PDB file of N, CA and C in Angstrom:
ATOM      1  N   MET A   1      38.456  31.589   4.236  1.00  0.00           N
ATOM      2  CA  MET A   1      38.383  30.891   2.986  1.00  0.00           C
ATOM      3  C   MET A   1      38.663  31.885   1.843  1.00  0.00           C
ATOM      4  N   GLU A   2      39.436  31.417   0.977  1.00  0.00           N
ATOM      5  CA  GLU A   2      39.878  32.310  -0.121  1.00  0.00           C
ATOM      6  C   GLU A   2      39.007  32.186  -1.324  1.00  0.00           C
ATOM      7  N   THR A   3      38.821  33.252  -2.075  1.00  0.00           N
ATOM      8  CA  THR A   3      38.017  33.191  -3.277  1.00  0.00           C
ATOM      9  C   THR A   3      38.891  32.866  -4.547  1.00  0.00           C
ATOM     10  N   ARG A   4      38.384  31.969  -5.251  1.00  0.00           N
ATOM     11  CA  ARG A   4      39.178  31.673  -6.528  1.00  0.00           C
ATOM     12  C   ARG A   4      38.288  31.948  -7.707  1.00  0.00           C
ATOM     13  N   TYR A   5      38.890  32.353  -8.799  1.00  0.00           N
ATOM     14  CA  TYR A   5      38.162  32.634  -9.964  1.00  0.00           C
ATOM     15  C   TYR A   5      38.617  31.647 -11.023  1.00  0.00           C
ATOM     16  N   VAL A   6      37.605  31.393 -11.882  1.00  0.00           N
ATOM     17  CA  VAL A   6      37.848  30.455 -13.014  1.00  0.00           C
ATOM     18  C   VAL A   6      37.598  31.302 -14.237  1.00  0.00           C
ATOM     19  N   LYS A   7      38.480  31.223 -15.146  1.00  0.00           N
ATOM     20  CA  LYS A   7      38.329  32.002 -16.430  1.00  0.00           C
ATOM     21  C   LYS A   7      37.561  31.110 -17.429  1.00  0.00           C
ATOM     22  N   LEU A   8      36.381  31.699 -17.804  1.00  0.00           N
ATOM     23  CA  LEU A   8      35.537  31.005 -18.902  1.00  0.00           C
ATOM     24  C   LEU A   8      35.436  31.947 -20.068  1.00  0.00           C
ATOM     25  N   ASP A   9      35.454  31.259 -21.177  1.00  0.00           N
ATOM     26  CA  ASP A   9      35.158  32.142 -22.339  1.00  0.00           C
ATOM     27  C   ASP A   9      33.659  32.367 -22.466  1.00  0.00           C
ATOM     28  N   TYR A  10      33.330  33.245 -23.298  1.00  0.00           N
ATOM     29  CA  TYR A  10      31.936  33.675 -23.397  1.00  0.00           C
ATOM     30  C   TYR A  10      30.997  32.552 -23.763  1.00  0.00           C
ATOM     31  N   LEU A  11      31.351  31.695 -24.743  1.00  0.00           N
ATOM     32  CA  LEU A  11      30.612  30.552 -25.189  1.00  0.00           C
ATOM     33  C   LEU A  11      30.338  29.568 -24.076  1.00  0.00           C
ATOM     34  N   ASP A  12      31.362  29.257 -23.352  1.00  0.00           N
ATOM     35  CA  ASP A  12      31.200  28.271 -22.209  1.00  0.00           C
ATOM     36  C   ASP A  12      30.213  28.938 -21.146  1.00  0.00           C
ATOM     37  N   ALA A  13      30.385  30.139 -20.791  1.00  0.00           N
ATOM     38  CA  ALA A  13      29.506  30.756 -19.821  1.00  0.00           C
ATOM     39  C   ALA A  13      28.086  30.794 -20.303  1.00  0.00           C
ATOM     40  N   LEU A  14      27.827  31.066 -21.597  1.00  0.00           N
ATOM     41  CA  LEU A  14      26.532  31.093 -22.132  1.00  0.00           C
ATOM     42  C   LEU A  14      25.915  29.601 -22.157  1.00  0.00           C
ATOM     43  N   GLU A  15      26.671  28.662 -22.475  1.00  0.00           N
ATOM     44  CA  GLU A  15      26.155  27.297 -22.434  1.00  0.00           C
ATOM     45  C   GLU A  15      25.886  26.830 -21.048  1.00  0.00           C
ATOM     46  N   SER A  16      26.629  27.249 -20.056  1.00  0.00           N
ATOM     47  CA  SER A  16      26.367  26.962 -18.632  1.00  0.00           C
ATOM     48  C   SER A  16      25.065  27.571 -18.181  1.00  0.00           C
ATOM     49  N   LYS A  17      24.845  28.797 -18.603  1.00  0.00           N
ATOM     50  CA  LYS A  17      23.545  29.459 -18.200  1.00  0.00           C
ATOM     51  C   LYS A  17      22.345  28.794 -18.832  1.00  0.00           C
ATOM     52  N   LYS A  18      22.493  28.387 -20.113  1.00  0.00           N
ATOM     53  CA  LYS A  18      21.413  27.707 -20.769  1.00  0.00           C
ATOM     54  C   LYS A  18      21.110  26.338 -20.085  1.00  0.00           C
ATOM     55  N   SER A  19      22.125  25.718 -19.717  1.00  0.00           N
ATOM     56  CA  SER A  19      22.052  24.370 -19.028  1.00  0.00           C
ATOM     57  C   SER A  19      21.310  24.580 -17.702  1.00  0.00           C
ATOM     58  N   MET A  20      21.656  25.662 -16.963  1.00  0.00           N
ATOM     59  CA  MET A  20      21.135  25.963 -15.658  1.00  0.00           C
ATOM     60  C   MET A  20      19.638  26.264 -15.798  1.00  0.00           C
ATOM     61  N   PHE A  21      19.264  27.087 -16.790  1.00  0.00           N
ATOM     62  CA  PHE A  21      17.883  27.407 -17.077  1.00  0.00           C
ATOM     63  C   PHE A  21      17.051  26.194 -17.514  1.00  0.00           C
ATOM     64  N   GLY A  22      17.731  25.332 -18.296  1.00  0.00           N
ATOM     65  CA  GLY A  22      17.056  24.102 -18.687  1.00  0.00           C
ATOM     66  C   GLY A  22      16.748  23.261 -17.467  1.00  0.00           C
ATOM     67  N   SER A  23      17.637  23.163 -16.550  1.00  0.00           N
ATOM     68  CA  SER A  23      17.467  22.393 -15.264  1.00  0.00           C
ATOM     69  C   SER A  23      16.268  22.999 -14.488  1.00  0.00           C
ATOM     70  N   GLU A  24      16.220  24.270 -14.397  1.00  0.00           N
ATOM     71  CA  GLU A  24      15.120  24.972 -13.639  1.00  0.00           C
ATOM     72  C   GLU A  24      13.787  24.620 -14.394  1.00  0.00           C
ATOM     73  N   ILE A  25      13.788  24.703 -15.709  1.00  0.00           N
ATOM     74  CA  ILE A  25      12.529  24.303 -16.422  1.00  0.00           C
ATOM     75  C   ILE A  25      12.119  22.883 -16.128  1.00  0.00           C
ATOM     76  N   ASN A  26      13.061  21.948 -16.131  1.00  0.00           N
ATOM     77  CA  ASN A  26      12.793  20.597 -15.793  1.00  0.00           C
ATOM     78  C   ASN A  26      12.246  20.409 -14.419  1.00  0.00           C
ATOM     79  N   LEU A  27      12.812  21.161 -13.429  1.00  0.00           N
ATOM     80  CA  LEU A  27      12.355  21.107 -12.059  1.00  0.00           C
ATOM     81  C   LEU A  27      10.895  21.616 -11.940  1.00  0.00           C
ATOM     82  N   LEU A  28      10.633  22.672 -12.587  1.00  0.00           N
ATOM     83  CA  LEU A  28       9.215  23.322 -12.594  1.00  0.00           C
ATOM     84  C   LEU A  28       8.263  22.299 -13.260  1.00  0.00           C
ATOM     85  N   GLN A  29       8.641  21.658 -14.282  1.00  0.00           N
ATOM     86  CA  GLN A  29       7.773  20.667 -14.886  1.00  0.00           C
ATOM     87  C   GLN A  29       7.491  19.517 -13.983  1.00  0.00           C
ATOM     88  N   ILE A  30       8.530  19.075 -13.305  1.00  0.00           N
ATOM     89  CA  ILE A  30       8.352  17.994 -12.229  1.00  0.00           C
ATOM     90  C   ILE A  30       7.409  18.429 -11.121  1.00  0.00           C
ATOM     91  N   VAL A  31       7.598  19.602 -10.642  1.00  0.00           N
ATOM     92  CA  VAL A  31       6.725  20.136  -9.623  1.00  0.00           C
ATOM     93  C   VAL A  31       5.276  20.079 -10.154  1.00  0.00           C
ATOM     94  N   SER A  32       5.117  20.586 -11.376  1.00  0.00           N
ATOM     95  CA  SER A  32       3.712  20.663 -11.980  1.00  0.00           C
ATOM     96  C   SER A  32       3.086  19.286 -12.042  1.00  0.00           C
ATOM     97  N   LYS A  33       3.828  18.286 -12.498  1.00  0.00           N
ATOM     98  CA  LYS A  33       3.350  16.979 -12.657  1.00  0.00           C
ATOM     99  C   LYS A  33       3.014  16.379 -11.308  1.00  0.00           C
ATOM    100  N   LEU A  34       3.800  16.628 -10.234  1.00  0.00           N
ATOM    101  CA  LEU A  34       3.589  16.194  -8.926  1.00  0.00           C
ATOM    102  C   LEU A  34       2.330  16.672  -8.364  1.00  0.00           C
ATOM    103  N   ARG A  35       2.048  18.064  -8.682  1.00  0.00           N
ATOM    104  CA  ARG A  35       0.878  18.623  -8.202  1.00  0.00           C
ATOM    105  C   ARG A  35      -0.442  18.024  -8.915  1.00  0.00           C
ATOM    106  N   SER A  36      -0.239  17.738 -10.205  1.00  0.00           N
ATOM    107  CA  SER A  36      -1.260  17.124 -10.977  1.00  0.00           C
ATOM    108  C   SER A  36      -1.544  15.698 -10.446  1.00  0.00           C
ATOM    109  N   TYR A  37      -0.536  14.948 -10.125  1.00  0.00           N
ATOM    110  CA  TYR A  37      -0.672  13.610  -9.616  1.00  0.00           C
ATOM    111  C   TYR A  37      -1.344  13.679  -8.241  1.00  0.00           C
ATOM    112  N   LYS A  38      -0.983  14.635  -7.409  1.00  0.00           N
ATOM    113  CA  LYS A  38      -1.606  14.729  -6.106  1.00  0.00           C
ATOM    114  C   LYS A  38      -3.115  15.036  -6.224  1.00  0.00           C
ATOM    115  N   ASN A  39      -3.471  15.952  -7.148  1.00  0.00           N
ATOM    116  CA  ASN A  39      -4.930  16.248  -7.339  1.00  0.00           C
ATOM    117  C   ASN A  39      -5.601  14.988  -7.901  1.00  0.00           C
ATOM    118  N   SER A  40      -4.958  14.279  -8.839  1.00  0.00           N
ATOM    119  CA  SER A  40      -5.626  13.023  -9.337  1.00  0.00           C
ATOM    120  C   SER A  40      -5.807  12.022  -8.255  1.00  0.00           C
ATOM    121  N   ARG A  41      -4.835  11.850  -7.400  1.00  0.00           N
ATOM    122  CA  ARG A  41      -4.915  10.944  -6.375  1.00  0.00           C
ATOM    123  C   ARG A  41      -6.002  11.205  -5.369  1.00  0.00           C
ATOM    124  N   LEU A  42      -6.173  12.582  -5.062  1.00  0.00           N
ATOM    125  CA  LEU A  42      -7.248  12.935  -4.200  1.00  0.00           C
ATOM    126  C   LEU A  42      -8.601  12.713  -4.701  1.00  0.00           C
ATOM    127  N   LYS A  43      -8.680  12.932  -6.110  1.00  0.00           N
ATOM    128  CA  LYS A  43     -10.020  12.644  -6.728  1.00  0.00           C
ATOM    129  C   LYS A  43     -10.250  11.139  -6.710  1.00  0.00           C
ATOM    130  N   GLU A  44      -9.228  10.416  -6.986  1.00  0.00           N
ATOM    131  CA  GLU A  44      -9.401   8.900  -6.921  1.00  0.00           C
ATOM    132  C   GLU A  44      -9.883   8.419  -5.584  1.00  0.00           C
ATOM    133  N   LEU A  45      -9.252   8.956  -4.500  1.00  0.00           N
ATOM    134  CA  LEU A  45      -9.602   8.513  -3.170  1.00  0.00           C
ATOM    135  C   LEU A  45     -11.015   9.000  -2.838  1.00  0.00           C
ATOM    136  N   ASP A  46     -11.465  10.149  -3.348  1.00  0.00           N
ATOM    137  CA  ASP A  46     -12.809  10.668  -3.119  1.00  0.00           C
ATOM    138  C   ASP A  46     -13.816   9.672  -3.853  1.00  0.00           C
ATOM    139  N   TYR A  47     -13.489   9.376  -5.102  1.00  0.00           N
ATOM    140  CA  TYR A  47     -14.381   8.410  -5.856  1.00  0.00           C
ATOM    141  C   TYR A  47     -14.498   7.051  -5.160  1.00  0.00           C
ATOM    142  N   LYS A  48     -13.332   6.582  -4.648  1.00  0.00           N
ATOM    143  CA  LYS A  48     -13.390   5.271  -3.969  1.00  0.00           C
ATOM    144  C   LYS A  48     -14.239   5.369  -2.674  1.00  0.00           C
ATOM    145  N   ASN A  49     -14.072   6.452  -2.002  1.00  0.00           N
ATOM    146  CA  ASN A  49     -14.851   6.627  -0.761  1.00  0.00           C
ATOM    147  C   ASN A  49     -16.368   6.676  -1.147  1.00  0.00           C
ATOM    148  N   LYS A  50     -16.712   7.456  -2.137  1.00  0.00           N
ATOM    149  CA  LYS A  50     -18.112   7.521  -2.497  1.00  0.00           C
ATOM    150  C   LYS A  50     -18.606   6.132  -2.922  1.00  0.00           C
ATOM    151  N   LEU A  51     -17.752   5.366  -3.613  1.00  0.00           N
ATOM    152  CA  LEU A  51     -18.196   4.044  -4.124  1.00  0.00           C
ATOM    153  C   LEU A  51     -18.386   3.060  -2.912  1.00  0.00           C
ATOM    154  N   ARG A  52     -17.504   3.193  -1.915  1.00  0.00           N
ATOM    155  CA  ARG A  52     -17.649   2.428  -0.739  1.00  0.00           C
ATOM    156  C   ARG A  52     -18.928   2.723  -0.003  1.00  0.00           C
ATOM    157  N   ILE A  53     -19.273   3.990   0.073  1.00  0.00           N
ATOM    158  CA  ILE A  53     -20.413   4.339   0.779  1.00  0.00           C
ATOM    159  C   ILE A  53     -21.690   3.842   0.047  1.00  0.00           C
ATOM    160  N   GLU A  54     -21.654   4.008  -1.330  1.00  0.00           N
ATOM    161  CA  GLU A  54     -22.773   3.506  -2.061  1.00  0.00           C
ATOM    162  C   GLU A  54     -22.937   1.974  -1.987  1.00  0.00           C
ATOM    163  N   LEU A  55     -21.828   1.268  -1.989  1.00  0.00           N
ATOM    164  CA  LEU A  55     -21.810  -0.213  -1.848  1.00  0.00           C
ATOM    165  C   LEU A  55     -22.392  -0.669  -0.453  1.00  0.00           C
ATOM    166  N   GLU A  56     -22.055   0.125   0.527  1.00  0.00           N
ATOM    167  CA  GLU A  56     -22.614  -0.190   1.850  1.00  0.00           C
ATOM    168  C   GLU A  56     -24.071   0.024   1.824  1.00  0.00           C
ATOM    169  N   LYS A  57     -24.536   1.145   1.227  1.00  0.00           N
ATOM    170  CA  LYS A  57     -25.974   1.372   1.090  1.00  0.00           C
ATOM    171  C   LYS A  57     -26.695   0.300   0.351  1.00  0.00           C
ATOM    172  N   PHE A  58     -26.099  -0.209  -0.722  1.00  0.00           N
ATOM    173  CA  PHE A  58     -26.626  -1.245  -1.564  1.00  0.00           C
ATOM    174  C   PHE A  58     -26.675  -2.541  -0.818  1.00  0.00           C
ATOM    175  N   ALA A  59     -25.675  -2.849   0.001  1.00  0.00           N
ATOM    176  CA  ALA A  59     -25.675  -4.053   0.797  1.00  0.00           C
ATOM    177  C   ALA A  59     -26.696  -4.050   1.867  1.00  0.00           C
ATOM    178  N   ASN A  60     -26.895  -2.879   2.429  1.00  0.00           N
ATOM    179  CA  ASN A  60     -28.007  -2.733   3.424  1.00  0.00           C
ATOM    180  C   ASN A  60     -29.364  -2.940   2.811  1.00  0.00           C
ATOM    181  N   LYS A  61     -29.600  -2.439   1.627  1.00  0.00           N
ATOM    182  CA  LYS A  61     -30.898  -2.592   0.868  1.00  0.00           C
ATOM    183  C   LYS A  61     -31.050  -4.103   0.563  1.00  0.00           C
ATOM    184  N   ILE A  62     -29.999  -4.788   0.160  1.00  0.00           N
ATOM    185  CA  ILE A  62     -30.148  -6.206  -0.151  1.00  0.00           C
ATOM    186  C   ILE A  62     -30.516  -6.969   1.103  1.00  0.00           C
ATOM    187  N   ASN A  63     -29.881  -6.617   2.201  1.00  0.00           N
ATOM    188  CA  ASN A  63     -30.179  -7.323   3.491  1.00  0.00           C
ATOM    189  C   ASN A  63     -31.597  -7.090   3.874  1.00  0.00           C
ATOM    190  N   LEU A  64     -32.058  -5.858   3.709  1.00  0.00           N
ATOM    191  CA  LEU A  64     -33.469  -5.605   4.052  1.00  0.00           C
ATOM    192  C   LEU A  64     -34.494  -6.363   3.167  1.00  0.00           C
ATOM    193  N   LEU A  65     -34.069  -6.453   1.865  1.00  0.00           N
ATOM    194  CA  LEU A  65     -34.868  -7.261   0.940  1.00  0.00           C
ATOM    195  C   LEU A  65     -34.856  -8.695   1.279  1.00  0.00           C
ATOM    196  N   GLN A  66     -33.740  -9.306   1.661  1.00  0.00           N
ATOM    197  CA  GLN A  66     -33.675 -10.636   2.039  1.00  0.00           C
ATOM    198  C   GLN A  66     -34.441 -10.870   3.243  1.00  0.00           C
ATOM    199  N   GLU A  67     -34.509  -9.879   4.203  1.00  0.00           N
ATOM    200  CA  GLU A  67     -35.250 -10.163   5.468  1.00  0.00           C
ATOM    201  C   GLU A  67     -36.690 -10.061   5.178  1.00  0.00           C
ATOM    202  N   SER A  68     -37.099  -9.478   4.148  1.00  0.00           N
ATOM    203  CA  SER A  68     -38.513  -9.334   3.832  1.00  0.00           C
ATOM    204  C   SER A  68     -39.163 -10.623   3.265  1.00  0.00           C
ATOM    205  N   PHE A  69     -38.249 -11.536   2.683  1.00  0.00           N
ATOM    206  CA  PHE A  69     -38.761 -12.813   2.172  1.00  0.00           C
ATOM    207  C   PHE A  69     -39.109 -13.698   3.397  1.00  0.00           C
ATOM    208  N   PRO A  70     -40.223 -14.292   3.433  1.00  0.00           N
ATOM    209  CA  PRO A  70     -40.642 -15.176   4.467  1.00  0.00           C
ATOM    210  C   PRO A  70     -40.138 -16.575   4.236  1.00  0.00           C
ATOM    211  N   GLY A  71     -39.645 -17.227   5.284  1.00  0.00           N
ATOM    212  CA  GLY A  71     -39.333 -18.599   5.172  1.00  0.00           C
ATOM    213  C   GLY A  71     -38.128 -18.979   4.466  1.00  0.00           C
ATOM    214  N   TYR A  72     -37.306 -18.079   4.024  1.00  0.00           N
ATOM    215  CA  TYR A  72     -36.001 -18.436   3.341  1.00  0.00           C
ATOM    216  C   TYR A  72     -34.899 -17.844   4.070  1.00  0.00           C
ATOM    217  N   ASN A  73     -33.970 -18.639   4.385  1.00  0.00           N
ATOM    218  CA  ASN A  73     -32.782 -18.152   5.229  1.00  0.00           C
ATOM    219  C   ASN A  73     -31.605 -18.091   4.263  1.00  0.00           C
ATOM    220  N   PHE A  74     -31.191 -16.867   3.883  1.00  0.00           N
ATOM    221  CA  PHE A  74     -30.058 -16.729   3.007  1.00  0.00           C
ATOM    222  C   PHE A  74     -28.711 -17.100   3.612  1.00  0.00           C
ATOM    223  N   THR A  75     -28.571 -16.859   4.896  1.00  0.00           N
ATOM    224  CA  THR A  75     -27.322 -17.101   5.542  1.00  0.00           C
ATOM    225  C   THR A  75     -27.013 -18.586   5.624  1.00  0.00           C
ATOM    226  N   GLU A  76     -28.065 -19.495   5.800  1.00  0.00           N
ATOM    227  CA  GLU A  76     -27.871 -20.915   5.784  1.00  0.00           C
ATOM    228  C   GLU A  76     -27.350 -21.281   4.401  1.00  0.00           C
ATOM    229  N   ASP A  77     -27.989 -20.706   3.404  1.00  0.00           N
ATOM    230  CA  ASP A  77     -27.592 -21.068   2.025  1.00  0.00           C
ATOM    231  C   ASP A  77     -26.091 -20.691   1.707  1.00  0.00           C
ATOM    232  N   LYS A  78     -25.617 -19.558   2.301  1.00  0.00           N
ATOM    233  CA  LYS A  78     -24.209 -19.165   2.114  1.00  0.00           C
ATOM    234  C   LYS A  78     -23.340 -20.135   2.833  1.00  0.00           C
ATOM    235  N   ARG A  79     -23.696 -20.547   4.039  1.00  0.00           N
ATOM    236  CA  ARG A  79     -22.989 -21.447   4.837  1.00  0.00           C
ATOM    237  C   ARG A  79     -22.699 -22.788   4.071  1.00  0.00           C
ATOM    238  N   LYS A  80     -23.843 -23.332   3.546  1.00  0.00           N
ATOM    239  CA  LYS A  80     -23.813 -24.539   2.814  1.00  0.00           C
ATOM    240  C   LYS A  80     -22.797 -24.498   1.598  1.00  0.00           C
ATOM    241  N   LYS A  81     -22.848 -23.343   0.884  1.00  0.00           N
ATOM    242  CA  LYS A  81     -21.872 -23.204  -0.188  1.00  0.00           C
ATOM    243  C   LYS A  81     -20.495 -23.156   0.290  1.00  0.00           C
ATOM    244  N   LYS A  82     -20.183 -22.501   1.400  1.00  0.00           N
ATOM    245  CA  LYS A  82     -18.858 -22.432   1.949  1.00  0.00           C
ATOM    246  C   LYS A  82     -18.389 -23.822   2.332  1.00  0.00           C
ATOM    247  N   GLU A  83     -19.338 -24.546   3.068  1.00  0.00           N
ATOM    248  CA  GLU A  83     -18.893 -25.854   3.498  1.00  0.00           C
ATOM    249  C   GLU A  83     -18.625 -26.770   2.303  1.00  0.00           C
ATOM    250  N   LYS A  84     -19.409 -26.662   1.281  1.00  0.00           N
ATOM    251  CA  LYS A  84     -19.243 -27.481   0.044  1.00  0.00           C
ATOM    252  C   LYS A  84     -17.865 -27.163  -0.510  1.00  0.00           C
ATOM    253  N   ASN A  85     -17.555 -25.812  -0.704  1.00  0.00           N
ATOM    254  CA  ASN A  85     -16.285 -25.487  -1.213  1.00  0.00           C
ATOM    255  C   ASN A  85     -15.087 -25.940  -0.344  1.00  0.00           C
ATOM    256  N   PHE A  86     -15.265 -25.873   0.940  1.00  0.00           N
ATOM    257  CA  PHE A  86     -14.239 -26.322   1.824  1.00  0.00           C
ATOM    258  C   PHE A  86     -13.967 -27.831   1.711  1.00  0.00           C
ATOM    259  N   SER A  87     -15.007 -28.659   1.644  1.00  0.00           N
ATOM    260  CA  SER A  87     -14.889 -30.048   1.438  1.00  0.00           C
ATOM    261  C   SER A  87     -14.287 -30.405   0.121  1.00  0.00           C
ATOM    262  N   GLU A  88     -14.643 -29.634  -0.927  1.00  0.00           N
ATOM    263  CA  GLU A  88     -14.073 -29.876  -2.273  1.00  0.00           C
ATOM    264  C   GLU A  88     -12.597 -29.604  -2.198  1.00  0.00           C
ATOM    265  N   ASN A  89     -12.112 -28.508  -1.527  1.00  0.00           N
ATOM    266  CA  ASN A  89     -10.781 -28.128  -1.436  1.00  0.00           C
ATOM    267  C   ASN A  89     -10.006 -29.203  -0.736  1.00  0.00           C
ATOM    268  N   ASN A  90     -10.570 -29.726   0.321  1.00  0.00           N
ATOM    269  CA  ASN A  90      -9.900 -30.769   1.111  1.00  0.00           C
ATOM    270  C   ASN A  90      -9.683 -32.019   0.272  1.00  0.00           C
ATOM    271  N   LYS A  91     -10.711 -32.373  -0.618  1.00  0.00           N
ATOM    272  CA  LYS A  91     -10.596 -33.582  -1.451  1.00  0.00           C
ATOM    273  C   LYS A  91      -9.502 -33.338  -2.508  1.00  0.00           C
ATOM    274  N   ASP A  92      -9.413 -32.163  -3.041  1.00  0.00           N
ATOM    275  CA  ASP A  92      -8.327 -31.852  -3.904  1.00  0.00           C
ATOM    276  C   ASP A  92      -6.990 -31.922  -3.298  1.00  0.00           C
ATOM    277  N   LEU A  93      -6.874 -31.484  -2.149  1.00  0.00           N
ATOM    278  CA  LEU A  93      -5.529 -31.507  -1.440  1.00  0.00           C
ATOM    279  C   LEU A  93      -5.152 -32.964  -1.132  1.00  0.00           C
ATOM    280  N   GLU A  94      -6.137 -33.821  -0.709  1.00  0.00           N
ATOM    281  CA  GLU A  94      -5.880 -35.158  -0.479  1.00  0.00           C
ATOM    282  C   GLU A  94      -5.481 -35.891  -1.758  1.00  0.00           C
ATOM    283  N   LYS A  95      -6.097 -35.600  -2.928  1.00  0.00           N
ATOM    284  CA  LYS A  95      -5.727 -36.147  -4.205  1.00  0.00           C
ATOM    285  C   LYS A  95      -4.263 -35.814  -4.566  1.00  0.00           C
ATOM    286  N   GLU A  96      -3.905 -34.502  -4.380  1.00  0.00           N
ATOM    287  CA  GLU A  96      -2.561 -34.127  -4.669  1.00  0.00           C
ATOM    288  C   GLU A  96      -1.556 -34.771  -3.689  1.00  0.00           C
ATOM    289  N   LEU A  97      -1.876 -34.905  -2.420  1.00  0.00           N
ATOM    290  CA  LEU A  97      -1.004 -35.543  -1.488  1.00  0.00           C
ATOM    291  C   LEU A  97      -0.801 -37.054  -1.839  1.00  0.00           C
ATOM    292  N   ASN A  98      -1.885 -37.729  -2.204  1.00  0.00           N
ATOM    293  CA  ASN A  98      -1.778 -39.116  -2.627  1.00  0.00           C
ATOM    294  C   ASN A  98      -0.911 -39.273  -3.922  1.00  0.00           C
ATOM    295  N   GLU A  99      -1.036 -38.328  -4.798  1.00  0.00           N
ATOM    296  CA  GLU A  99      -0.266 -38.348  -6.034  1.00  0.00           C
ATOM    297  C   GLU A  99       1.178 -38.183  -5.780  1.00  0.00           C
ATOM    298  N   ILE A 100       1.534 -37.329  -4.876  1.00  0.00           N
ATOM    299  CA  ILE A 100       2.918 -37.052  -4.520  1.00  0.00           C
ATOM    300  C   ILE A 100       3.461 -38.306  -3.847  1.00  0.00           C
ATOM    301  N   LYS A 101       2.723 -38.841  -2.905  1.00  0.00           N
ATOM    302  CA  LYS A 101       3.180 -40.062  -2.229  1.00  0.00           C
ATOM    303  C   LYS A 101       3.434 -41.204  -3.253  1.00  0.00           C
ATOM    304  N   ARG A 102       2.579 -41.356  -4.214  1.00  0.00           N
ATOM    305  CA  ARG A 102       2.691 -42.328  -5.252  1.00  0.00           C
ATOM    306  C   ARG A 102       3.970 -42.105  -6.057  1.00  0.00           C
ATOM    307  N   LYS A 103       4.259 -40.810  -6.390  1.00  0.00           N
ATOM    308  CA  LYS A 103       5.464 -40.571  -7.121  1.00  0.00           C
ATOM    309  C   LYS A 103       6.672 -40.871  -6.301  1.00  0.00           C
ATOM    310  N   ILE A 104       6.654 -40.512  -4.995  1.00  0.00           N
ATOM    311  CA  ILE A 104       7.829 -40.892  -4.137  1.00  0.00           C
ATOM    312  C   ILE A 104       8.010 -42.393  -4.084  1.00  0.00           C
ATOM    313  N   ALA A 105       6.948 -43.157  -3.967  1.00  0.00           N
ATOM    314  CA  ALA A 105       7.020 -44.600  -3.876  1.00  0.00           C
ATOM    315  C   ALA A 105       7.637 -45.087  -5.226  1.00  0.00           C
ATOM    316  N   ASN A 106       7.277 -44.586  -6.353  1.00  0.00           N
ATOM    317  CA  ASN A 106       7.751 -44.963  -7.619  1.00  0.00           C
ATOM    318  C   ASN A 106       9.254 -44.668  -7.736  1.00  0.00           C
ATOM    319  N   LEU A 107       9.705 -43.550  -7.248  1.00  0.00           N
ATOM    320  CA  LEU A 107      11.168 -43.246  -7.167  1.00  0.00           C
ATOM    321  C   LEU A 107      11.931 -44.200  -6.378  1.00  0.00           C
ATOM    322  N   GLY A 108      11.350 -44.629  -5.213  1.00  0.00           N
ATOM    323  CA  GLY A 108      11.949 -45.485  -4.331  1.00  0.00           C
ATOM    324  C   GLY A 108      12.117 -46.970  -4.940  1.00  0.00           C
ATOM    325  N   ASN A 109      11.192 -47.337  -5.805  1.00  0.00           N
ATOM    326  CA  ASN A 109      11.261 -48.666  -6.428  1.00  0.00           C
ATOM    327  C   ASN A 109      12.261 -48.697  -7.556  1.00  0.00           C
ATOM    328  N   LYS A 110      12.631 -47.582  -8.085  1.00  0.00           N
ATOM    329  CA  LYS A 110      13.660 -47.583  -9.274  1.00  0.00           C
ATOM    330  C   LYS A 110      15.025 -47.720  -8.801  1.00  0.00           C
TER     331      LYS A 110
END
């Protein structure tokens, strides 16, 4: 491979060096921001993990408290609410289905 030389005047060479140093500065700033982001992300994950652990402890305390009440079954109460919501959702779907069928029938009559 042969070596080739390019003739640059002093100002062009100086501008190229400035540009190269500017690029290096930008890359170092990017690396710094990435490290900062990584540290922030690790802190966030640590906080989320601590929150999850505390919520589990809280849920266990609530369950123990619920078990200490005599004669009241909280799980049955939850089931009733879910069943009620499910039946309400089914009624809403049936209403929408009937409405669409009515619109189709009206289009067919025209």
